[in-house]
């Protein structure tokens, strides 16, 4: 994983720069996305509300001097579910910030199934709100039903459409409209949050300011097949405008124009 002050050369926007390599467990139609056990749900409440939420606030405040701006726009969906899209630029921070953005609304985060590969952490991650993407075609139905269930319960579902982590990247990478089909099909509101980076007086770790925007709704006047792309385009444009407010690039990302082998020769 690149460190603050490094220069990263990349060849495509879909590269992974987290430095984490794990095996990928199977997430299929048998994966229990929404456990019904009352004891499990009680433990999930304790873990999320009494442990993770206060820890996330303190960790982000101490490490990043974290601030959230424009959070008031979420009031429009106080009594309904929503989808939240953000830029994928922090390691553990990307797990914590969504819950702070939507607080007091419960927040779930769509994650790579590799996050469940560490032995003994699967239930803990699920209690914290992790919803892994399926690894089989048959698992798509259960995954989709879980997203719908959580929004029907008036919770928030966070998606990182860029998919891959680029630590402290100050731009917004192009992302497809695929993940926007869910709010279109479920007719749910969409919000986005954009983490921006700013230099601090002491230390190299940047100050992080998160901007929240929305709500965005599917345009019912468009053909159904075009609504997801329109929603994606509006969210993408908003996030690009917010990302431009960053005043500090902790890591420099440079796109390679020629293969590395040619440079060496």
Protein backbone atom coordinates (compact mmCIF):
# COMPACT_ATOMS: atom_id res chain seq x y z
CA UNK A 1 0.00 0.00 0.00
CA UNK A 2 1.36 3.45 -0.88
CA UNK A 3 2.26 5.79 1.97
CA UNK A 4 1.87 9.53 2.35
CA UNK A 5 4.46 11.27 0.20
CA UNK A 6 4.69 8.42 -2.32
CA UNK A 7 4.18 8.67 -6.07
CA UNK A 8 2.05 5.94 -7.63
CA UNK A 9 2.19 5.14 -11.32
CA UNK A 10 -0.92 3.44 -12.68
CA UNK A 11 -2.10 2.22 -16.06
CA UNK A 12 -5.85 1.84 -15.48
CA UNK A 13 -8.47 3.30 -13.16
CA UNK A 14 -9.58 -0.17 -12.01
CA UNK A 15 -6.26 -1.08 -10.38
CA UNK A 16 -6.18 -1.93 -6.67
CA UNK A 17 -3.75 0.01 -4.46
CA UNK A 18 -4.76 -1.18 -1.00
CA UNK A 19 -1.91 -3.68 -0.86
CA UNK A 20 -4.25 -6.29 0.63
CA UNK A 21 -4.36 -9.74 -0.90
CA UNK A 22 -6.78 -12.26 0.55
CA UNK A 23 -8.57 -15.38 -0.58
CA UNK A 24 -12.17 -14.90 -1.63
CA UNK A 25 -14.76 -17.01 0.21
CA UNK A 26 -17.90 -18.19 -1.55
CA UNK A 27 -20.93 -15.96 -1.13
CA UNK A 28 -23.84 -17.72 -2.82
CA UNK A 29 -27.59 -18.22 -2.44
CA UNK A 30 -26.99 -19.93 0.92
CA UNK A 31 -25.31 -16.91 2.50
CA UNK A 32 -27.48 -15.51 5.30
CA UNK A 33 -27.57 -11.78 4.64
CA UNK A 34 -30.35 -10.98 7.13
CA UNK A 35 -30.10 -13.25 10.21
CA UNK A 36 -33.39 -13.74 12.03
CA UNK A 37 -32.00 -14.97 15.36
CA UNK A 38 -33.05 -12.56 18.11
CA UNK A 39 -29.81 -13.11 20.04
CA UNK A 40 -27.75 -12.34 16.94
CA UNK A 41 -29.74 -9.16 16.31
CA UNK A 42 -29.32 -8.08 19.94
CA UNK A 43 -25.56 -8.60 19.69
CA UNK A 44 -25.53 -6.64 16.42
CA UNK A 45 -27.26 -3.71 18.15
CA UNK A 46 -24.66 -3.68 20.92
CA UNK A 47 -21.73 -3.99 18.51
CA UNK A 48 -22.96 -1.31 16.11
CA UNK A 49 -24.52 1.23 18.47
CA UNK A 50 -22.46 0.91 21.64
CA UNK A 51 -19.03 -0.04 20.28
CA UNK A 52 -18.46 0.70 16.59
CA UNK A 53 -20.30 4.04 16.30
CA UNK A 54 -18.51 5.82 19.19
CA UNK A 55 -15.19 4.23 18.19
CA UNK A 56 -15.65 5.40 14.59
CA UNK A 57 -16.33 8.97 15.76
CA UNK A 58 -13.27 9.10 18.02
CA UNK A 59 -10.96 7.37 15.53
CA UNK A 60 -11.90 9.64 12.63
CA UNK A 61 -11.74 12.76 14.78
CA UNK A 62 -8.32 11.93 16.23
CA UNK A 63 -6.72 10.61 13.04
CA UNK A 64 -8.24 12.94 10.43
CA UNK A 65 -9.79 15.82 12.42
CA UNK A 66 -12.82 14.69 10.50
CA UNK A 67 -15.70 17.04 9.69
CA UNK A 68 -18.96 16.49 7.84
CA UNK A 69 -20.54 19.34 5.88
CA UNK A 70 -24.04 19.69 4.43
CA UNK A 71 -25.37 16.74 6.44
CA UNK A 72 -28.69 18.55 6.80
CA UNK A 73 -29.72 17.39 3.31
CA UNK A 74 -30.31 13.92 4.81
CA UNK A 75 -33.32 15.26 6.70
CA UNK A 76 -35.41 14.84 3.55
CA UNK A 77 -35.12 11.06 4.00
CA UNK A 78 -35.33 10.89 7.75
CA UNK A 79 -38.23 8.43 7.60
CA UNK A 80 -37.24 6.36 4.58
CA UNK A 81 -34.36 4.26 3.33
CA UNK A 82 -31.66 5.57 1.02
CA UNK A 83 -28.59 4.65 -0.99
CA UNK A 84 -25.32 6.43 -0.28
CA UNK A 85 -22.39 6.55 -2.74
CA UNK A 86 -18.87 7.65 -1.84
CA UNK A 87 -15.30 7.88 -3.12
CA UNK A 88 -13.11 4.93 -2.10
CA UNK A 89 -10.01 6.67 -0.72
CA UNK A 90 -9.47 5.52 2.86
CA UNK A 91 -8.71 2.14 4.38
CA UNK A 92 -10.56 1.68 7.67
CA UNK A 93 -11.97 5.18 7.29
CA UNK A 94 -14.21 4.00 4.47
CA UNK A 95 -15.76 1.52 6.86
CA UNK A 96 -16.41 4.12 9.55
CA UNK A 97 -17.37 7.35 7.78
CA UNK A 98 -20.71 6.17 6.29
CA UNK A 99 -22.07 5.41 9.76
CA UNK A 100 -21.09 8.93 10.87
CA UNK A 101 -22.66 10.51 7.79
CA UNK A 102 -26.02 8.81 8.27
CA UNK A 103 -26.14 8.85 12.10
CA UNK A 104 -28.56 8.22 13.77
CA UNK A 105 -29.83 6.17 10.83
CA UNK A 106 -28.37 2.65 10.72
CA UNK A 107 -25.96 2.20 7.83
CA UNK A 108 -24.93 -0.91 5.89
CA UNK A 109 -21.96 -1.04 3.52
CA UNK A 110 -21.60 -3.17 0.39
CA UNK A 111 -18.16 -4.78 0.60
CA UNK A 112 -15.87 -7.06 -1.35
CA UNK A 113 -16.36 -10.68 -0.16
CA UNK A 114 -12.61 -10.85 0.50
CA UNK A 115 -13.32 -8.89 3.68
CA UNK A 116 -14.93 -12.04 5.10
CA UNK A 117 -11.86 -14.20 4.56
CA UNK A 118 -10.30 -13.59 7.99
CA UNK A 119 -11.26 -16.51 10.24
CA UNK A 120 -13.67 -15.66 13.05
CA UNK A 121 -14.62 -12.17 11.82
CA UNK A 122 -17.55 -12.95 9.50
CA UNK A 123 -20.31 -12.45 12.07
CA UNK A 124 -18.59 -9.42 13.56
CA UNK A 125 -18.37 -7.73 10.15
CA UNK A 126 -22.01 -8.53 9.43
CA UNK A 127 -23.00 -7.03 12.78
CA UNK A 128 -21.08 -3.91 11.82
CA UNK A 129 -23.17 -3.67 8.65
CA UNK A 130 -21.12 -5.41 5.95
CA UNK A 131 -23.09 -6.71 2.96
CA UNK A 132 -20.71 -8.72 0.74
CA UNK A 133 -21.30 -8.87 -2.99
CA UNK A 134 -22.13 -12.39 -4.20
CA UNK A 135 -19.51 -14.53 -5.90
CA UNK A 136 -22.06 -16.64 -7.81
CA UNK A 137 -24.90 -15.74 -10.14
CA UNK A 138 -27.42 -17.50 -7.92
CA UNK A 139 -26.35 -15.32 -5.01
CA UNK A 140 -27.55 -12.16 -6.75
CA UNK A 141 -31.15 -12.71 -5.71
CA UNK A 142 -30.31 -12.97 -2.00
CA UNK A 143 -28.02 -9.95 -2.28
CA UNK A 144 -30.71 -7.86 -3.97
CA UNK A 145 -33.31 -8.93 -1.41
CA UNK A 146 -30.96 -7.90 1.40
CA UNK A 147 -30.52 -4.41 -0.06
CA UNK A 148 -34.26 -4.03 -0.43
CA UNK A 149 -34.89 -5.33 3.09
CA UNK A 150 -32.51 -2.80 4.63
CA UNK A 151 -33.99 0.15 2.76
CA UNK A 152 -37.53 -0.95 3.61
CA UNK A 153 -36.40 -0.88 7.25
CA UNK A 154 -35.50 2.81 6.66
CA UNK A 155 -31.77 2.13 6.88
CA UNK A 156 -29.03 3.42 4.58
CA UNK A 157 -27.01 1.28 2.18
CA UNK A 158 -23.55 2.56 1.21
CA UNK A 159 -21.91 1.69 -2.10
CA UNK A 160 -18.39 2.52 -3.25
CA UNK A 161 -18.91 2.53 -7.04
CA UNK A 162 -15.19 2.96 -7.77
CA UNK A 163 -14.80 -0.56 -6.29
CA UNK A 164 -11.03 -0.31 -5.67
CA UNK A 165 -9.28 1.65 -2.92
CA UNK A 166 -6.88 4.42 -3.97
CA UNK A 167 -5.59 5.85 -0.68
CA UNK A 168 -5.90 9.65 -0.46
CA UNK A 169 -6.74 10.05 -4.16
CA UNK A 170 -8.06 13.56 -4.73
CA UNK A 171 -10.04 12.88 -7.91
CA UNK A 172 -13.07 10.78 -8.77
CA UNK A 173 -12.42 7.74 -10.94
CA UNK A 174 -14.96 6.83 -13.64
CA UNK A 175 -17.49 4.25 -12.47
CA UNK A 176 -20.30 2.39 -14.25
CA UNK A 177 -24.01 2.80 -13.66
CA UNK A 178 -24.38 -0.85 -12.60
CA UNK A 179 -24.78 -0.18 -8.88
CA UNK A 180 -27.39 2.50 -9.57
CA UNK A 181 -29.86 -0.06 -10.89
CA UNK A 182 -30.84 -0.89 -7.31
CA UNK A 183 -32.20 2.53 -6.27
CA UNK A 184 -33.90 2.76 -9.68
CA UNK A 185 -35.62 -0.60 -9.26
CA UNK A 186 -36.53 0.11 -5.62
CA UNK A 187 -37.39 3.77 -6.30
CA UNK A 188 -35.22 4.96 -3.42
CA UNK A 189 -33.43 8.25 -2.87
CA UNK A 190 -29.71 8.54 -3.58
CA UNK A 191 -27.11 10.63 -1.76
CA UNK A 192 -23.38 10.92 -2.24
CA UNK A 193 -20.51 11.84 0.04
CA UNK A 194 -17.09 13.01 -1.06
CA UNK A 195 -14.01 12.93 1.14
CA UNK A 196 -11.65 15.85 0.51
CA UNK A 197 -8.13 16.26 1.88
CA UNK A 198 -6.44 19.26 3.46
CA UNK A 199 -3.04 19.88 4.99
CA UNK A 200 -2.70 20.19 8.75
CA UNK A 201 -0.21 22.27 10.68
CA UNK A 202 1.38 19.23 12.30
CA UNK A 203 1.87 15.78 10.85
CA UNK A 204 1.51 14.34 7.38
CA UNK A 205 -1.91 12.77 7.85
CA UNK A 206 -4.44 15.04 6.11
CA UNK A 207 -7.52 16.57 7.57
CA UNK A 208 -10.60 15.00 5.98
CA UNK A 209 -13.72 16.99 5.22
CA UNK A 210 -16.70 14.99 3.97
CA UNK A 211 -19.32 16.74 1.84
CA UNK A 212 -22.80 15.25 1.58
CA UNK A 213 -25.08 15.96 -1.39
CA UNK A 214 -28.56 14.95 -2.49
CA UNK A 215 -31.16 13.70 -2.62
CA UNK A 216 -31.07 12.48 -6.19
CA UNK A 217 -34.08 10.58 -7.50
CA UNK A 218 -34.49 8.39 -10.57
CA UNK A 219 -35.94 10.42 -13.44
CA UNK A 220 -39.31 8.80 -14.11
CA UNK A 221 -39.63 10.69 -17.42
CA UNK A 222 -36.77 8.67 -18.92
CA UNK A 223 -37.07 5.14 -20.30
CA UNK A 224 -36.40 2.66 -17.50
CA UNK A 225 -33.18 1.48 -19.15
CA UNK A 226 -31.72 5.01 -19.09
CA UNK A 227 -32.54 5.96 -15.50
CA UNK A 228 -29.52 4.31 -13.87
CA UNK A 229 -27.08 6.03 -16.24
CA UNK A 230 -28.74 9.41 -15.69
CA UNK A 231 -28.57 8.92 -11.93
CA UNK A 232 -24.93 7.89 -12.16
CA UNK A 233 -24.05 10.91 -14.29
CA UNK A 234 -25.60 13.37 -11.84
CA UNK A 235 -23.89 11.78 -8.85
CA UNK A 236 -20.55 11.58 -10.66
CA UNK A 237 -20.66 15.26 -11.66
CA UNK A 238 -21.49 16.29 -8.09
CA UNK A 239 -18.67 14.21 -6.62
CA UNK A 240 -16.16 15.61 -9.13
CA UNK A 241 -17.13 19.16 -8.16
CA UNK A 242 -16.71 18.37 -4.47
CA UNK A 243 -13.40 16.53 -4.99
CA UNK A 244 -12.01 19.70 -6.57
CA UNK A 245 -12.23 21.30 -3.11
CA UNK A 246 -9.27 19.22 -1.89
CA UNK A 247 -6.26 21.44 -1.18
CA UNK A 248 -3.69 18.74 -0.46
CA UNK A 249 -2.64 15.58 -2.31
CA UNK A 250 -0.97 13.27 0.25
CA UNK A 251 -0.10 10.77 -2.50
CA UNK A 252 0.65 11.64 -6.13
CA UNK A 253 -0.98 9.46 -8.77
CA UNK A 254 0.48 9.59 -12.29
CA UNK A 255 -0.88 7.63 -15.24
CA UNK A 256 1.73 5.75 -17.24
CA UNK A 257 1.64 6.55 -20.93
CA UNK A 258 4.04 3.75 -21.88
CA UNK A 259 4.63 0.28 -20.41
CA UNK A 260 7.16 0.10 -17.57
CA UNK A 261 9.37 -2.26 -19.63
CA UNK A 262 9.80 0.41 -22.30
CA UNK A 263 10.86 2.99 -19.71
CA UNK A 264 13.55 0.68 -18.38
CA UNK A 265 14.98 0.23 -21.86
